[in-house]
Amino acid sequence: MAHANHRWTVAEAKARLSELIATARREGPQTITKNGRSTVVLVSVEEWERKTTRTGSLAEFLLKSPLRNADLDLERAPDNGREIDL
C-alpha cells in the first residue's frame, strides 16, 4: 500500500519501515514528521548520490558563471584593523 501524501509520522515510520523504504525507492523522497512538523526526509541511495555528486571543478563552475564577463566593481575598502588593549 503506497503512502499517498509522502508524509509519515515517526510512529508510522517505525511500524512500517520496510514499506517506507520501498516507497522512497519507488516514488521518491518521503518526509517523516514529529509532533506535526517535518523533521527528516528519507531518500533512496540513488537519489542521494544523484543530488550530492559533484560534477566538474570549482574553476569550471566559475568559468561557466553568467557573471564571468560582467563589469563588477570589486574594490575593497581599506582596512586598518582595530585597536585592542593588551
C-alpha atoms as a PDB file:
ATOM      1  CA  MET A   1       0.000   0.000   0.000  1.00  0.00           C
ATOM      2  CA  ALA A   2       1.550   3.322  -1.083  1.00  0.00           C
ATOM      3  CA  HIS A   3       1.527   6.233   1.324  1.00  0.00           C
ATOM      4  CA  ALA A   4      -0.248   8.795  -0.843  1.00  0.00           C
ATOM      5  CA  ASN A   5       0.956  12.090   0.622  1.00  0.00           C
ATOM      6  CA  HIS A   6       4.633  11.091   1.155  1.00  0.00           C
ATOM      7  CA  ARG A   7       4.380  12.155   4.830  1.00  0.00           C
ATOM      8  CA  TRP A   8       4.809   9.698   7.673  1.00  0.00           C
ATOM      9  CA  THR A   9       4.704  10.212  11.400  1.00  0.00           C
ATOM     10  CA  VAL A  10       7.597   8.803  13.421  1.00  0.00           C
ATOM     11  CA  ALA A  11       5.246   6.099  14.748  1.00  0.00           C
ATOM     12  CA  GLU A  12       4.191   5.117  11.202  1.00  0.00           C
ATOM     13  CA  ALA A  13       7.816   5.116  10.036  1.00  0.00           C
ATOM     14  CA  LYS A  14       8.886   2.853  12.892  1.00  0.00           C
ATOM     15  CA  ALA A  15       5.971   0.474  12.465  1.00  0.00           C
ATOM     16  CA  ARG A  16       6.195   0.301   8.670  1.00  0.00           C
ATOM     17  CA  LEU A  17       9.900   0.839   7.977  1.00  0.00           C
ATOM     18  CA  SER A  18      10.104  -1.718   5.163  1.00  0.00           C
ATOM     19  CA  GLU A  19       7.148  -0.102   3.401  1.00  0.00           C
ATOM     20  CA  LEU A  20       8.646   3.361   3.928  1.00  0.00           C
ATOM     21  CA  ILE A  21      11.929   2.251   2.342  1.00  0.00           C
ATOM     22  CA  ALA A  22      10.166   0.613  -0.602  1.00  0.00           C
ATOM     23  CA  THR A  23       8.032   3.714  -1.150  1.00  0.00           C
ATOM     24  CA  ALA A  24      11.076   6.005  -1.089  1.00  0.00           C
ATOM     25  CA  ARG A  25      12.802   3.833  -3.693  1.00  0.00           C
ATOM     26  CA  ARG A  26       9.695   3.584  -5.876  1.00  0.00           C
ATOM     27  CA  GLU A  27       8.093   7.048  -5.507  1.00  0.00           C
ATOM     28  CA  GLY A  28      10.853   9.354  -4.307  1.00  0.00           C
ATOM     29  CA  PRO A  29      11.597  11.265  -1.108  1.00  0.00           C
ATOM     30  CA  GLN A  30       9.411  10.583   1.940  1.00  0.00           C
ATOM     31  CA  THR A  31       9.010  13.099   4.779  1.00  0.00           C
ATOM     32  CA  ILE A  32       8.907  11.947   8.394  1.00  0.00           C
ATOM     33  CA  THR A  33       7.165  14.250  10.847  1.00  0.00           C
ATOM     34  CA  LYS A  34       7.471  14.607  14.603  1.00  0.00           C
ATOM     35  CA  ASN A  35       4.827  16.492  16.571  1.00  0.00           C
ATOM     36  CA  GLY A  36       3.270  17.592  13.279  1.00  0.00           C
ATOM     37  CA  ARG A  37       6.462  19.193  11.955  1.00  0.00           C
ATOM     38  CA  SER A  38       8.632  17.921   9.110  1.00  0.00           C
ATOM     39  CA  THR A  39      11.788  16.501  10.684  1.00  0.00           C
ATOM     40  CA  VAL A  40      13.674  14.363   8.168  1.00  0.00           C
ATOM     41  CA  VAL A  41      13.405  13.145   4.601  1.00  0.00           C
ATOM     42  CA  LEU A  42      14.165   9.573   3.583  1.00  0.00           C
ATOM     43  CA  VAL A  43      15.575   9.166   0.081  1.00  0.00           C
ATOM     44  CA  SER A  44      16.971   6.224  -1.842  1.00  0.00           C
ATOM     45  CA  VAL A  45      20.737   5.885  -2.218  1.00  0.00           C
ATOM     46  CA  GLU A  46      20.362   6.527  -5.942  1.00  0.00           C
ATOM     47  CA  GLU A  47      18.520   9.810  -5.272  1.00  0.00           C
ATOM     48  CA  TRP A  48      21.077  10.866  -2.644  1.00  0.00           C
ATOM     49  CA  GLU A  49      24.020  10.162  -4.954  1.00  0.00           C
ATOM     50  CA  ARG A  50      22.357  11.985  -7.826  1.00  0.00           C
ATOM     51  CA  LYS A  51      21.787  15.067  -5.642  1.00  0.00           C
ATOM     52  CA  THR A  52      25.180  15.106  -3.902  1.00  0.00           C
ATOM     53  CA  THR A  53      27.640  14.034  -6.597  1.00  0.00           C
ATOM     54  CA  ARG A  54      29.739  16.937  -7.758  1.00  0.00           C
ATOM     55  CA  THR A  55      30.426  17.411 -11.412  1.00  0.00           C
ATOM     56  CA  GLY A  56      33.383  19.485 -12.519  1.00  0.00           C
ATOM     57  CA  SER A  57      35.747  21.617 -10.509  1.00  0.00           C
ATOM     58  CA  LEU A  58      35.288  24.979  -8.843  1.00  0.00           C
ATOM     59  CA  ALA A  59      37.306  26.555 -11.660  1.00  0.00           C
ATOM     60  CA  GLU A  60      34.936  25.079 -14.272  1.00  0.00           C
ATOM     61  CA  PHE A  61      31.937  26.329 -12.297  1.00  0.00           C
ATOM     62  CA  LEU A  62      33.355  29.852 -12.119  1.00  0.00           C
ATOM     63  CA  LEU A  63      34.246  29.852 -15.830  1.00  0.00           C
ATOM     64  CA  LYS A  64      30.613  29.000 -16.665  1.00  0.00           C
ATOM     65  CA  SER A  65      29.232  31.768 -14.448  1.00  0.00           C
ATOM     66  CA  PRO A  66      26.947  34.276 -16.191  1.00  0.00           C
ATOM     67  CA  LEU A  67      28.810  36.964 -14.224  1.00  0.00           C
ATOM     68  CA  ARG A  68      32.194  35.984 -15.684  1.00  0.00           C
ATOM     69  CA  ASN A  69      32.395  38.950 -18.066  1.00  0.00           C
ATOM     70  CA  ALA A  70      30.280  41.332 -16.006  1.00  0.00           C
ATOM     71  CA  ASP A  71      31.821  44.673 -15.183  1.00  0.00           C
ATOM     72  CA  LEU A  72      31.745  44.351 -11.398  1.00  0.00           C
ATOM     73  CA  ASP A  73      33.400  46.819  -9.039  1.00  0.00           C
ATOM     74  CA  LEU A  74      35.271  44.513  -6.686  1.00  0.00           C
ATOM     75  CA  GLU A  75      37.440  47.118  -4.983  1.00  0.00           C
ATOM     76  CA  ARG A  76      37.729  46.614  -1.235  1.00  0.00           C
ATOM     77  CA  ALA A  77      37.584  49.366   1.327  1.00  0.00           C
ATOM     78  CA  PRO A  78      40.881  49.875   3.136  1.00  0.00           C
ATOM     79  CA  ASP A  79      41.012  48.022   6.455  1.00  0.00           C
ATOM     80  CA  ASN A  80      43.486  49.147   9.052  1.00  0.00           C
ATOM     81  CA  GLY A  81      42.455  46.555  11.602  1.00  0.00           C
ATOM     82  CA  ARG A  82      41.290  47.502  15.044  1.00  0.00           C
ATOM     83  CA  GLU A  83      42.929  48.699  18.183  1.00  0.00           C
ATOM     84  CA  ILE A  84      42.988  46.407  21.190  1.00  0.00           C
ATOM     85  CA  ASP A  85      44.287  46.804  24.696  1.00  0.00           C
ATOM     86  CA  LEU A  86      46.933  44.283  25.656  1.00  0.00           C
END
